[in-house]
């Protein structure tokens, strides 16, 4: 059943005050409740594709871009650490370009526990790090994968890294040693899908 909404017309400065800094609101603001995230068990049963885990990634634009890539390449969900990850605000939603509606975001306190839960469910957990072996999607054919990506600059934390089944890196034949976390996520997801 459609919900009837009565608009409240205000000055543009009022919208600027209500939105987060640097938000592009285009003159419209709608206050909504956050989407209810499903449980991890439900996602594993009902959705196919890899799971993405972010270890203290803090830039909302990077998270939004990762969500967009996750939707494009058929990822089942995105898992983030609850206390060190920004909320799903305007900047994140804008960068996600609608992917917040199609890729569930799960907030968890302990990523090592989630990695163990995924491993117990049969997923192979791959931490992405510049020093790892070359990520080869063909090696994962027939296996479900969880990709674990670290924070901008700092990378994976020690405990998170040690919890992964393996550490891999994306192939970069050029002169750069690393990629932005959202770019690394897109390349890694493409490698998994390409070989699948």
N, C-alpha and C. Protein backbone atom coordinates (compact mmCIF):
# COMPACT_ATOMS: atom_id res chain seq x y z
N UNK A 1 0.85 -1.18 0.00
CA UNK A 1 0.00 0.00 0.00
C UNK A 1 0.89 1.24 0.00
N UNK A 2 0.66 2.19 -0.91
CA UNK A 2 1.47 3.40 -0.97
C UNK A 2 1.28 4.25 0.28
N UNK A 3 2.35 4.91 0.66
CA UNK A 3 2.31 5.81 1.81
C UNK A 3 2.21 7.24 1.28
N UNK A 4 1.25 7.98 1.81
CA UNK A 4 1.08 9.36 1.38
C UNK A 4 1.99 10.25 2.23
N UNK A 5 2.80 11.05 1.54
CA UNK A 5 3.73 11.93 2.23
C UNK A 5 3.36 13.37 1.91
N UNK A 6 3.27 14.18 2.95
CA UNK A 6 3.00 15.60 2.77
C UNK A 6 4.33 16.33 2.83
N UNK A 7 4.73 16.99 1.74
CA UNK A 7 6.03 17.67 1.74
C UNK A 7 6.01 18.91 2.63
N UNK A 8 7.17 19.20 3.16
CA UNK A 8 7.38 20.40 3.97
C UNK A 8 8.38 21.26 3.22
N UNK A 9 7.96 22.37 2.67
CA UNK A 9 8.83 23.21 1.85
C UNK A 9 9.60 24.14 2.77
N UNK A 10 10.95 24.09 2.62
CA UNK A 10 11.84 24.91 3.46
C UNK A 10 12.87 25.59 2.58
N UNK A 11 13.61 26.52 3.17
CA UNK A 11 14.71 27.18 2.47
C UNK A 11 15.85 26.19 2.24
N UNK A 12 16.62 26.41 1.18
CA UNK A 12 17.73 25.52 0.84
C UNK A 12 18.75 25.45 1.99
N UNK A 13 18.97 26.52 2.69
CA UNK A 13 19.92 26.53 3.81
C UNK A 13 19.52 25.55 4.90
N UNK A 14 18.21 25.37 5.09
CA UNK A 14 17.73 24.41 6.09
C UNK A 14 18.11 22.99 5.68
N UNK A 15 17.99 22.67 4.39
CA UNK A 15 18.41 21.35 3.92
C UNK A 15 19.91 21.17 4.10
N UNK A 16 20.67 22.23 3.83
CA UNK A 16 22.13 22.15 4.03
C UNK A 16 22.46 21.84 5.48
N UNK A 17 21.72 22.41 6.42
CA UNK A 17 21.95 22.16 7.84
C UNK A 17 21.59 20.72 8.23
N UNK A 18 20.53 20.18 7.65
CA UNK A 18 20.06 18.85 8.01
C UNK A 18 20.92 17.73 7.42
N UNK A 19 21.54 17.98 6.28
CA UNK A 19 22.34 16.94 5.61
C UNK A 19 23.76 16.94 6.15
N UNK A 20 24.45 15.82 5.93
CA UNK A 20 25.85 15.74 6.34
C UNK A 20 26.68 16.68 5.46
N UNK A 21 27.86 17.02 5.93
CA UNK A 21 28.73 17.94 5.21
C UNK A 21 29.04 17.41 3.81
N UNK A 22 29.04 18.29 2.83
CA UNK A 22 29.34 17.99 1.43
C UNK A 22 28.30 17.09 0.77
N UNK A 23 27.14 16.90 1.38
CA UNK A 23 26.10 16.08 0.76
C UNK A 23 25.49 16.85 -0.41
N UNK A 24 25.20 16.15 -1.47
CA UNK A 24 24.53 16.74 -2.62
C UNK A 24 23.06 16.32 -2.53
N UNK A 25 22.23 17.20 -2.00
CA UNK A 25 20.84 16.82 -1.76
C UNK A 25 19.90 17.22 -2.89
N UNK A 26 20.31 18.05 -3.80
CA UNK A 26 19.53 18.47 -4.96
C UNK A 26 18.16 19.03 -4.56
N UNK A 27 18.09 19.60 -3.37
CA UNK A 27 16.87 20.27 -2.95
C UNK A 27 15.79 19.38 -2.37
N UNK A 28 16.12 18.11 -2.11
CA UNK A 28 15.13 17.18 -1.57
C UNK A 28 15.76 16.40 -0.42
N UNK A 29 15.01 16.23 0.63
CA UNK A 29 15.46 15.44 1.78
C UNK A 29 14.31 14.58 2.26
N UNK A 30 14.58 13.30 2.47
CA UNK A 30 13.58 12.37 2.97
C UNK A 30 14.20 11.62 4.14
N UNK A 31 13.56 11.70 5.29
CA UNK A 31 14.06 10.99 6.47
C UNK A 31 13.45 9.60 6.49
N UNK A 32 14.30 8.58 6.51
CA UNK A 32 13.85 7.20 6.48
C UNK A 32 14.58 6.40 7.55
N UNK A 33 14.04 5.26 7.86
CA UNK A 33 14.69 4.33 8.79
C UNK A 33 15.68 3.48 8.01
N UNK A 34 16.78 3.05 8.64
CA UNK A 34 17.72 2.18 7.94
C UNK A 34 17.07 0.85 7.57
N UNK A 35 17.57 0.25 6.49
CA UNK A 35 17.09 -1.07 6.09
C UNK A 35 17.48 -2.09 7.15
N UNK A 36 16.63 -3.04 7.39
CA UNK A 36 16.93 -4.10 8.34
C UNK A 36 17.80 -5.14 7.64
N UNK A 37 18.98 -5.36 8.18
CA UNK A 37 19.90 -6.33 7.57
C UNK A 37 19.49 -7.74 7.94
N UNK A 38 19.58 -8.66 6.99
CA UNK A 38 19.30 -10.06 7.32
C UNK A 38 20.45 -10.64 8.15
N UNK A 39 20.23 -11.82 8.70
CA UNK A 39 21.29 -12.51 9.42
C UNK A 39 22.21 -13.19 8.41
N UNK A 40 23.45 -13.41 8.81
CA UNK A 40 24.44 -14.03 7.93
C UNK A 40 23.97 -15.40 7.43
N UNK A 41 23.36 -16.18 8.32
CA UNK A 41 22.86 -17.50 7.91
C UNK A 41 21.84 -17.39 6.78
N UNK A 42 20.97 -16.40 6.85
CA UNK A 42 19.97 -16.19 5.80
C UNK A 42 20.64 -15.85 4.47
N UNK A 43 21.65 -15.00 4.53
CA UNK A 43 22.36 -14.61 3.31
C UNK A 43 23.03 -15.82 2.68
N UNK A 44 23.68 -16.64 3.51
CA UNK A 44 24.37 -17.82 2.97
C UNK A 44 23.40 -18.80 2.33
N UNK A 45 22.20 -18.89 2.86
CA UNK A 45 21.19 -19.81 2.32
C UNK A 45 20.47 -19.25 1.10
N UNK A 46 20.22 -17.95 1.10
CA UNK A 46 19.33 -17.36 0.11
C UNK A 46 20.03 -16.62 -1.03
N UNK A 47 21.28 -16.27 -0.85
CA UNK A 47 21.97 -15.47 -1.87
C UNK A 47 23.25 -16.16 -2.32
N UNK A 48 23.53 -16.08 -3.60
CA UNK A 48 24.77 -16.64 -4.14
C UNK A 48 25.82 -15.55 -4.23
N UNK A 49 27.03 -15.95 -4.57
CA UNK A 49 28.09 -14.99 -4.81
C UNK A 49 29.00 -14.83 -3.61
N UNK A 50 30.10 -14.13 -3.83
CA UNK A 50 31.07 -13.93 -2.75
C UNK A 50 30.54 -12.99 -1.67
N UNK A 51 31.16 -13.07 -0.53
CA UNK A 51 30.89 -12.16 0.58
C UNK A 51 32.09 -11.22 0.67
N UNK A 52 31.85 -9.94 0.86
CA UNK A 52 32.94 -8.99 1.06
C UNK A 52 32.99 -8.60 2.53
N UNK A 53 34.19 -8.55 3.08
CA UNK A 53 34.39 -8.14 4.47
C UNK A 53 35.36 -6.97 4.48
N UNK A 54 34.98 -5.87 5.11
CA UNK A 54 35.84 -4.69 5.19
C UNK A 54 36.38 -4.55 6.61
N UNK A 55 37.69 -4.50 6.71
CA UNK A 55 38.38 -4.39 8.00
C UNK A 55 38.78 -2.94 8.25
N UNK A 56 37.91 -2.21 8.92
CA UNK A 56 38.11 -0.82 9.32
C UNK A 56 38.30 0.14 8.15
N UNK A 57 37.57 -0.08 7.07
CA UNK A 57 37.54 0.90 5.98
C UNK A 57 36.64 2.03 6.44
N UNK A 58 37.15 3.26 6.43
CA UNK A 58 36.43 4.37 7.06
C UNK A 58 35.89 5.42 6.10
N UNK A 59 36.30 5.42 4.87
CA UNK A 59 35.84 6.44 3.92
C UNK A 59 34.49 6.02 3.34
N UNK A 60 33.43 6.79 3.59
CA UNK A 60 32.11 6.40 3.11
C UNK A 60 32.04 6.30 1.58
N UNK A 61 32.83 7.10 0.89
CA UNK A 61 32.82 7.04 -0.58
C UNK A 61 33.44 5.73 -1.07
N UNK A 62 34.49 5.28 -0.41
CA UNK A 62 35.09 3.99 -0.76
C UNK A 62 34.10 2.85 -0.50
N UNK A 63 33.42 2.90 0.63
CA UNK A 63 32.45 1.86 0.96
C UNK A 63 31.32 1.86 -0.06
N UNK A 64 30.85 3.05 -0.43
CA UNK A 64 29.81 3.15 -1.45
C UNK A 64 30.26 2.59 -2.79
N UNK A 65 31.49 2.90 -3.18
CA UNK A 65 32.03 2.37 -4.43
C UNK A 65 32.17 0.85 -4.37
N UNK A 66 32.56 0.33 -3.22
CA UNK A 66 32.66 -1.13 -3.04
C UNK A 66 31.28 -1.76 -3.16
N UNK A 67 30.28 -1.15 -2.58
CA UNK A 67 28.90 -1.66 -2.70
C UNK A 67 28.45 -1.68 -4.16
N UNK A 68 28.81 -0.65 -4.89
CA UNK A 68 28.43 -0.58 -6.30
C UNK A 68 29.08 -1.73 -7.07
N UNK A 69 30.36 -1.98 -6.82
CA UNK A 69 31.05 -3.10 -7.47
C UNK A 69 30.45 -4.43 -7.02
N UNK A 70 30.11 -4.51 -5.74
CA UNK A 70 29.50 -5.74 -5.21
C UNK A 70 28.20 -6.05 -5.94
N UNK A 71 27.39 -5.04 -6.17
CA UNK A 71 26.14 -5.23 -6.90
C UNK A 71 26.41 -5.61 -8.36
N UNK A 72 27.40 -4.96 -8.96
CA UNK A 72 27.71 -5.22 -10.37
C UNK A 72 28.21 -6.64 -10.60
N UNK A 73 28.96 -7.18 -9.64
CA UNK A 73 29.58 -8.49 -9.83
C UNK A 73 28.89 -9.60 -9.04
N UNK A 74 27.71 -9.33 -8.50
CA UNK A 74 26.90 -10.39 -7.89
C UNK A 74 27.32 -10.84 -6.51
N UNK A 75 27.92 -9.96 -5.72
CA UNK A 75 28.27 -10.33 -4.34
C UNK A 75 27.01 -10.48 -3.51
N UNK A 76 27.06 -11.38 -2.56
CA UNK A 76 25.88 -11.68 -1.73
C UNK A 76 25.67 -10.65 -0.63
N UNK A 77 26.76 -10.11 -0.07
CA UNK A 77 26.63 -9.17 1.05
C UNK A 77 27.95 -8.49 1.31
N UNK A 78 27.87 -7.43 2.09
CA UNK A 78 29.04 -6.71 2.57
C UNK A 78 29.00 -6.74 4.10
N UNK A 79 30.09 -7.17 4.71
CA UNK A 79 30.19 -7.21 6.17
C UNK A 79 31.20 -6.15 6.59
N UNK A 80 30.81 -5.30 7.54
CA UNK A 80 31.69 -4.24 8.04
C UNK A 80 31.78 -4.34 9.56
N UNK A 81 32.85 -3.77 10.09
CA UNK A 81 32.99 -3.73 11.54
C UNK A 81 32.12 -2.59 12.06
N UNK A 82 31.31 -2.87 13.04
CA UNK A 82 30.30 -1.92 13.50
C UNK A 82 30.89 -0.62 14.01
N UNK A 83 31.86 -0.70 14.90
CA UNK A 83 32.28 0.53 15.58
C UNK A 83 33.28 1.37 14.79
N UNK A 84 33.88 0.85 13.75
CA UNK A 84 34.88 1.61 13.00
C UNK A 84 34.48 1.87 11.56
N UNK A 85 33.20 1.84 11.29
CA UNK A 85 32.70 2.05 9.93
C UNK A 85 31.61 3.12 9.99
N UNK A 86 31.65 4.09 9.06
CA UNK A 86 30.61 5.12 9.06
C UNK A 86 29.23 4.53 8.77
N UNK A 87 28.22 5.24 9.23
CA UNK A 87 26.84 4.83 8.97
C UNK A 87 26.52 5.00 7.49
N UNK A 88 25.44 4.39 7.05
CA UNK A 88 25.02 4.48 5.66
C UNK A 88 24.36 5.82 5.42
N UNK A 89 25.16 6.86 5.31
CA UNK A 89 24.67 8.22 5.10
C UNK A 89 24.64 8.61 3.63
N UNK A 90 24.47 9.90 3.39
CA UNK A 90 24.31 10.42 2.04
C UNK A 90 25.50 10.19 1.13
N UNK A 91 26.71 10.45 1.63
CA UNK A 91 27.91 10.30 0.79
C UNK A 91 28.09 8.84 0.39
N UNK A 92 27.88 7.92 1.32
CA UNK A 92 28.00 6.50 1.03
C UNK A 92 26.92 6.07 0.03
N UNK A 93 25.70 6.50 0.27
CA UNK A 93 24.59 6.13 -0.61
C UNK A 93 24.79 6.67 -2.02
N UNK A 94 25.30 7.90 -2.12
CA UNK A 94 25.52 8.48 -3.44
C UNK A 94 26.58 7.69 -4.20
N UNK A 95 27.68 7.35 -3.53
CA UNK A 95 28.74 6.58 -4.18
C UNK A 95 28.26 5.18 -4.54
N UNK A 96 27.33 4.63 -3.77
CA UNK A 96 26.80 3.29 -4.03
C UNK A 96 25.86 3.26 -5.22
N UNK A 97 25.32 4.39 -5.61
CA UNK A 97 24.44 4.50 -6.79
C UNK A 97 23.31 3.48 -6.80
N UNK A 98 22.66 3.29 -5.68
CA UNK A 98 21.52 2.38 -5.60
C UNK A 98 21.85 1.00 -5.06
N UNK A 99 23.14 0.69 -4.90
CA UNK A 99 23.53 -0.66 -4.45
C UNK A 99 23.14 -0.93 -3.00
N UNK A 100 22.89 0.10 -2.21
CA UNK A 100 22.43 -0.13 -0.82
C UNK A 100 21.10 -0.86 -0.80
N UNK A 101 20.33 -0.75 -1.87
CA UNK A 101 19.04 -1.43 -1.95
C UNK A 101 19.17 -2.88 -2.39
N UNK A 102 20.31 -3.27 -2.96
CA UNK A 102 20.42 -4.62 -3.49
C UNK A 102 21.49 -5.48 -2.82
N UNK A 103 22.43 -4.87 -2.12
CA UNK A 103 23.48 -5.63 -1.42
C UNK A 103 23.33 -5.38 0.08
N UNK A 104 22.97 -6.41 0.84
CA UNK A 104 22.81 -6.22 2.29
C UNK A 104 24.14 -5.85 2.95
N UNK A 105 24.06 -4.94 3.91
CA UNK A 105 25.22 -4.54 4.71
C UNK A 105 25.01 -5.06 6.13
N UNK A 106 25.93 -5.91 6.58
CA UNK A 106 25.86 -6.46 7.93
C UNK A 106 26.92 -5.80 8.78
N UNK A 107 26.53 -5.34 9.94
CA UNK A 107 27.47 -4.73 10.88
C UNK A 107 27.76 -5.75 11.97
N UNK A 108 29.03 -6.03 12.16
CA UNK A 108 29.46 -7.03 13.13
C UNK A 108 30.51 -6.44 14.06
N UNK A 109 30.56 -6.93 15.28
CA UNK A 109 31.53 -6.44 16.26
C UNK A 109 32.89 -7.08 16.04
N UNK A 110 32.92 -8.38 15.82
CA UNK A 110 34.17 -9.13 15.76
C UNK A 110 34.34 -9.79 14.39
N UNK A 111 35.23 -9.23 13.57
CA UNK A 111 35.41 -9.76 12.23
C UNK A 111 36.04 -11.15 12.22
N UNK A 112 36.93 -11.42 13.16
CA UNK A 112 37.56 -12.75 13.22
C UNK A 112 36.51 -13.83 13.47
N UNK A 113 35.53 -13.52 14.29
CA UNK A 113 34.45 -14.46 14.56
C UNK A 113 33.61 -14.69 13.30
N UNK A 114 33.35 -13.63 12.55
CA UNK A 114 32.58 -13.76 11.30
C UNK A 114 33.36 -14.56 10.27
N UNK A 115 34.67 -14.32 10.19
CA UNK A 115 35.51 -15.09 9.26
C UNK A 115 35.43 -16.57 9.63
N UNK A 116 35.53 -16.88 10.91
CA UNK A 116 35.43 -18.28 11.36
C UNK A 116 34.06 -18.86 11.02
N UNK A 117 33.01 -18.08 11.19
CA UNK A 117 31.66 -18.55 10.87
C UNK A 117 31.54 -18.85 9.38
N UNK A 118 32.11 -18.00 8.55
CA UNK A 118 32.07 -18.23 7.11
C UNK A 118 32.88 -19.47 6.73
N UNK A 119 34.02 -19.65 7.37
CA UNK A 119 34.84 -20.83 7.11
C UNK A 119 34.09 -22.10 7.50
N UNK A 120 33.40 -22.06 8.63
CA UNK A 120 32.61 -23.22 9.07
C UNK A 120 31.46 -23.52 8.11
N UNK A 121 31.00 -22.47 7.39
CA UNK A 121 29.94 -22.66 6.41
C UNK A 121 30.49 -23.08 5.04
N UNK A 122 31.80 -23.29 4.96
CA UNK A 122 32.40 -23.79 3.73
C UNK A 122 32.99 -22.73 2.81
N UNK A 123 33.02 -21.47 3.22
CA UNK A 123 33.60 -20.43 2.38
C UNK A 123 35.12 -20.40 2.56
N UNK A 124 35.82 -20.08 1.50
CA UNK A 124 37.28 -19.91 1.53
C UNK A 124 37.54 -18.42 1.69
N UNK A 125 38.23 -18.03 2.76
CA UNK A 125 38.44 -16.62 3.04
C UNK A 125 39.80 -16.16 2.51
N UNK A 126 39.75 -15.12 1.69
CA UNK A 126 40.94 -14.60 1.03
C UNK A 126 41.14 -13.15 1.44
N UNK A 127 42.22 -12.89 2.15
CA UNK A 127 42.58 -11.52 2.50
C UNK A 127 43.35 -10.90 1.35
N UNK A 128 42.98 -9.69 0.96
CA UNK A 128 43.70 -9.01 -0.11
C UNK A 128 44.78 -8.13 0.49
N UNK A 129 46.01 -8.34 0.01
CA UNK A 129 47.15 -7.58 0.49
C UNK A 129 48.21 -7.57 -0.60
N UNK A 130 48.91 -6.47 -0.76
CA UNK A 130 49.90 -6.33 -1.83
C UNK A 130 50.99 -7.40 -1.76
N UNK A 131 51.26 -7.96 -0.60
CA UNK A 131 52.32 -8.96 -0.47
C UNK A 131 51.88 -10.39 -0.67
N UNK A 132 50.61 -10.60 -1.02
CA UNK A 132 50.10 -11.97 -1.15
C UNK A 132 50.41 -12.59 -2.50
N UNK A 133 50.06 -13.86 -2.64
CA UNK A 133 50.21 -14.55 -3.92
C UNK A 133 49.20 -13.96 -4.91
N UNK A 134 49.42 -14.14 -6.17
CA UNK A 134 48.56 -13.56 -7.20
C UNK A 134 47.16 -14.17 -7.14
N UNK A 135 46.15 -13.33 -7.05
CA UNK A 135 44.75 -13.78 -7.03
C UNK A 135 44.40 -14.36 -8.39
N UNK A 136 43.99 -15.60 -8.41
CA UNK A 136 43.63 -16.29 -9.64
C UNK A 136 42.23 -16.86 -9.45
N UNK A 137 41.26 -16.24 -10.10
CA UNK A 137 39.88 -16.67 -9.96
C UNK A 137 39.65 -18.12 -10.30
N UNK A 138 40.41 -18.64 -11.28
CA UNK A 138 40.23 -20.04 -11.69
C UNK A 138 40.52 -21.00 -10.55
N UNK A 139 41.39 -20.62 -9.63
CA UNK A 139 41.73 -21.47 -8.49
C UNK A 139 40.55 -21.65 -7.54
N UNK A 140 39.55 -20.78 -7.63
CA UNK A 140 38.40 -20.83 -6.73
C UNK A 140 37.16 -21.39 -7.41
N UNK A 141 37.29 -21.86 -8.62
CA UNK A 141 36.13 -22.39 -9.34
C UNK A 141 35.49 -23.51 -8.53
N UNK A 142 34.20 -23.41 -8.32
CA UNK A 142 33.49 -24.42 -7.54
C UNK A 142 33.50 -24.16 -6.04
N UNK A 143 34.18 -23.10 -5.61
CA UNK A 143 34.23 -22.75 -4.18
C UNK A 143 33.63 -21.36 -3.98
N UNK A 144 32.95 -21.20 -2.89
CA UNK A 144 32.43 -19.88 -2.55
C UNK A 144 33.51 -19.14 -1.74
N UNK A 145 33.69 -17.86 -2.05
CA UNK A 145 34.79 -17.09 -1.48
C UNK A 145 34.27 -15.90 -0.67
N UNK A 146 34.98 -15.60 0.39
CA UNK A 146 34.80 -14.34 1.12
C UNK A 146 36.08 -13.54 0.93
N UNK A 147 35.97 -12.35 0.36
CA UNK A 147 37.11 -11.46 0.17
C UNK A 147 37.20 -10.51 1.36
N UNK A 148 38.38 -10.40 1.94
CA UNK A 148 38.59 -9.54 3.11
C UNK A 148 39.53 -8.42 2.69
N UNK A 149 39.07 -7.18 2.83
CA UNK A 149 39.85 -6.02 2.42
C UNK A 149 40.14 -5.13 3.62
N UNK A 150 41.36 -4.61 3.66
CA UNK A 150 41.78 -3.79 4.79
C UNK A 150 41.58 -2.30 4.58
N UNK A 151 41.84 -1.57 5.63
CA UNK A 151 41.66 -0.13 5.66
C UNK A 151 42.60 0.58 4.69
N UNK A 152 42.18 1.76 4.29
CA UNK A 152 43.00 2.60 3.43
C UNK A 152 44.34 2.86 4.13
N UNK A 153 45.41 2.54 3.49
CA UNK A 153 46.74 2.80 4.05
C UNK A 153 47.23 1.71 4.98
N UNK A 154 46.45 1.36 5.98
CA UNK A 154 46.89 0.40 7.01
C UNK A 154 46.77 -1.05 6.55
N UNK A 155 45.84 -1.34 5.66
CA UNK A 155 45.64 -2.71 5.21
C UNK A 155 44.93 -3.54 6.27
N UNK A 156 45.11 -4.85 6.18
CA UNK A 156 44.47 -5.78 7.12
C UNK A 156 45.15 -5.72 8.47
N UNK A 157 44.36 -5.75 9.52
CA UNK A 157 44.94 -5.85 10.86
C UNK A 157 45.49 -7.27 11.06
N UNK A 158 46.42 -7.42 11.97
CA UNK A 158 47.13 -8.69 12.17
C UNK A 158 46.16 -9.84 12.42
N UNK A 159 45.25 -9.70 13.37
CA UNK A 159 44.34 -10.80 13.71
C UNK A 159 43.42 -11.15 12.54
N UNK A 160 42.96 -10.15 11.83
CA UNK A 160 42.12 -10.40 10.66
C UNK A 160 42.92 -11.16 9.61
N UNK A 161 44.13 -10.71 9.37
CA UNK A 161 45.02 -11.34 8.38
C UNK A 161 45.27 -12.81 8.74
N UNK A 162 45.56 -13.06 10.01
CA UNK A 162 45.85 -14.42 10.46
C UNK A 162 44.61 -15.32 10.41
N UNK A 163 43.43 -14.75 10.43
CA UNK A 163 42.20 -15.53 10.39
C UNK A 163 41.86 -16.02 8.98
N UNK A 164 42.41 -15.38 7.95
CA UNK A 164 42.10 -15.73 6.57
C UNK A 164 42.76 -17.05 6.17
N UNK A 165 42.13 -17.77 5.24
CA UNK A 165 42.70 -19.01 4.72
C UNK A 165 43.94 -18.74 3.88
N UNK A 166 43.93 -17.62 3.16
CA UNK A 166 45.10 -17.26 2.36
C UNK A 166 45.12 -15.76 2.13
N UNK A 167 46.30 -15.25 1.77
CA UNK A 167 46.47 -13.84 1.45
C UNK A 167 46.84 -13.76 -0.03
N UNK A 168 46.12 -12.93 -0.76
CA UNK A 168 46.34 -12.80 -2.20
C UNK A 168 46.39 -11.33 -2.58
N UNK A 169 46.92 -11.07 -3.76
CA UNK A 169 46.96 -9.71 -4.27
C UNK A 169 46.48 -9.71 -5.72
N UNK A 170 45.97 -8.56 -6.15
CA UNK A 170 45.53 -8.44 -7.54
C UNK A 170 46.76 -8.21 -8.42
N UNK A 171 46.71 -8.74 -9.63
CA UNK A 171 47.82 -8.64 -10.57
C UNK A 171 47.92 -7.20 -11.08
N UNK A 172 49.10 -6.61 -10.88
CA UNK A 172 49.36 -5.24 -11.36
C UNK A 172 50.72 -5.20 -12.04
N UNK A 173 50.76 -5.31 -13.36
CA UNK A 173 52.04 -5.32 -14.06
C UNK A 173 52.67 -3.94 -14.20
N UNK A 174 51.94 -2.89 -13.85
CA UNK A 174 52.45 -1.53 -14.00
C UNK A 174 53.36 -1.12 -12.85
N UNK A 175 53.60 0.18 -12.73
CA UNK A 175 54.57 0.69 -11.76
C UNK A 175 53.97 0.97 -10.37
N UNK A 176 52.64 0.88 -10.22
CA UNK A 176 52.03 1.12 -8.91
C UNK A 176 52.08 -0.14 -8.06
N UNK A 177 52.27 0.03 -6.76
CA UNK A 177 52.36 -1.11 -5.85
C UNK A 177 51.03 -1.49 -5.23
N UNK A 178 50.07 -0.56 -5.22
CA UNK A 178 48.79 -0.85 -4.59
C UNK A 178 47.69 -0.04 -5.26
N UNK A 179 46.46 -0.42 -4.95
CA UNK A 179 45.27 0.27 -5.44
C UNK A 179 44.46 0.80 -4.27
N UNK A 180 43.62 1.77 -4.55
CA UNK A 180 42.62 2.21 -3.61
C UNK A 180 41.76 1.00 -3.26
N UNK A 181 41.27 0.90 -2.03
CA UNK A 181 40.53 -0.28 -1.58
C UNK A 181 39.29 -0.56 -2.43
N UNK A 182 38.62 0.48 -2.91
CA UNK A 182 37.44 0.23 -3.73
C UNK A 182 37.84 -0.30 -5.10
N UNK A 183 38.95 0.17 -5.65
CA UNK A 183 39.43 -0.36 -6.92
C UNK A 183 39.90 -1.80 -6.77
N UNK A 184 40.59 -2.08 -5.68
CA UNK A 184 41.06 -3.45 -5.43
C UNK A 184 39.87 -4.41 -5.31
N UNK A 185 38.81 -3.96 -4.65
CA UNK A 185 37.61 -4.80 -4.52
C UNK A 185 37.01 -5.09 -5.89
N UNK A 186 36.91 -4.06 -6.74
CA UNK A 186 36.33 -4.25 -8.07
C UNK A 186 37.16 -5.22 -8.90
N UNK A 187 38.48 -5.06 -8.88
CA UNK A 187 39.36 -5.93 -9.67
C UNK A 187 39.27 -7.37 -9.16
N UNK A 188 39.28 -7.54 -7.84
CA UNK A 188 39.21 -8.89 -7.26
C UNK A 188 37.87 -9.55 -7.57
N UNK A 189 36.78 -8.81 -7.47
CA UNK A 189 35.47 -9.37 -7.80
C UNK A 189 35.40 -9.75 -9.27
N UNK A 190 35.94 -8.91 -10.13
CA UNK A 190 35.96 -9.23 -11.56
C UNK A 190 36.75 -10.52 -11.80
N UNK A 191 37.88 -10.66 -11.14
CA UNK A 191 38.71 -11.87 -11.31
C UNK A 191 37.93 -13.11 -10.89
N UNK A 192 37.17 -13.03 -9.81
CA UNK A 192 36.38 -14.18 -9.38
C UNK A 192 35.27 -14.51 -10.37
N UNK A 193 34.59 -13.48 -10.88
CA UNK A 193 33.47 -13.68 -11.80
C UNK A 193 33.99 -14.15 -13.16
N UNK A 194 35.07 -13.57 -13.62
CA UNK A 194 35.64 -13.90 -14.92
C UNK A 194 35.98 -15.38 -15.01
N UNK A 195 36.54 -15.89 -13.95
CA UNK A 195 36.99 -17.29 -13.97
C UNK A 195 35.88 -18.27 -13.58
N UNK A 196 34.79 -17.74 -12.98
CA UNK A 196 33.73 -18.61 -12.47
C UNK A 196 32.98 -19.28 -13.53
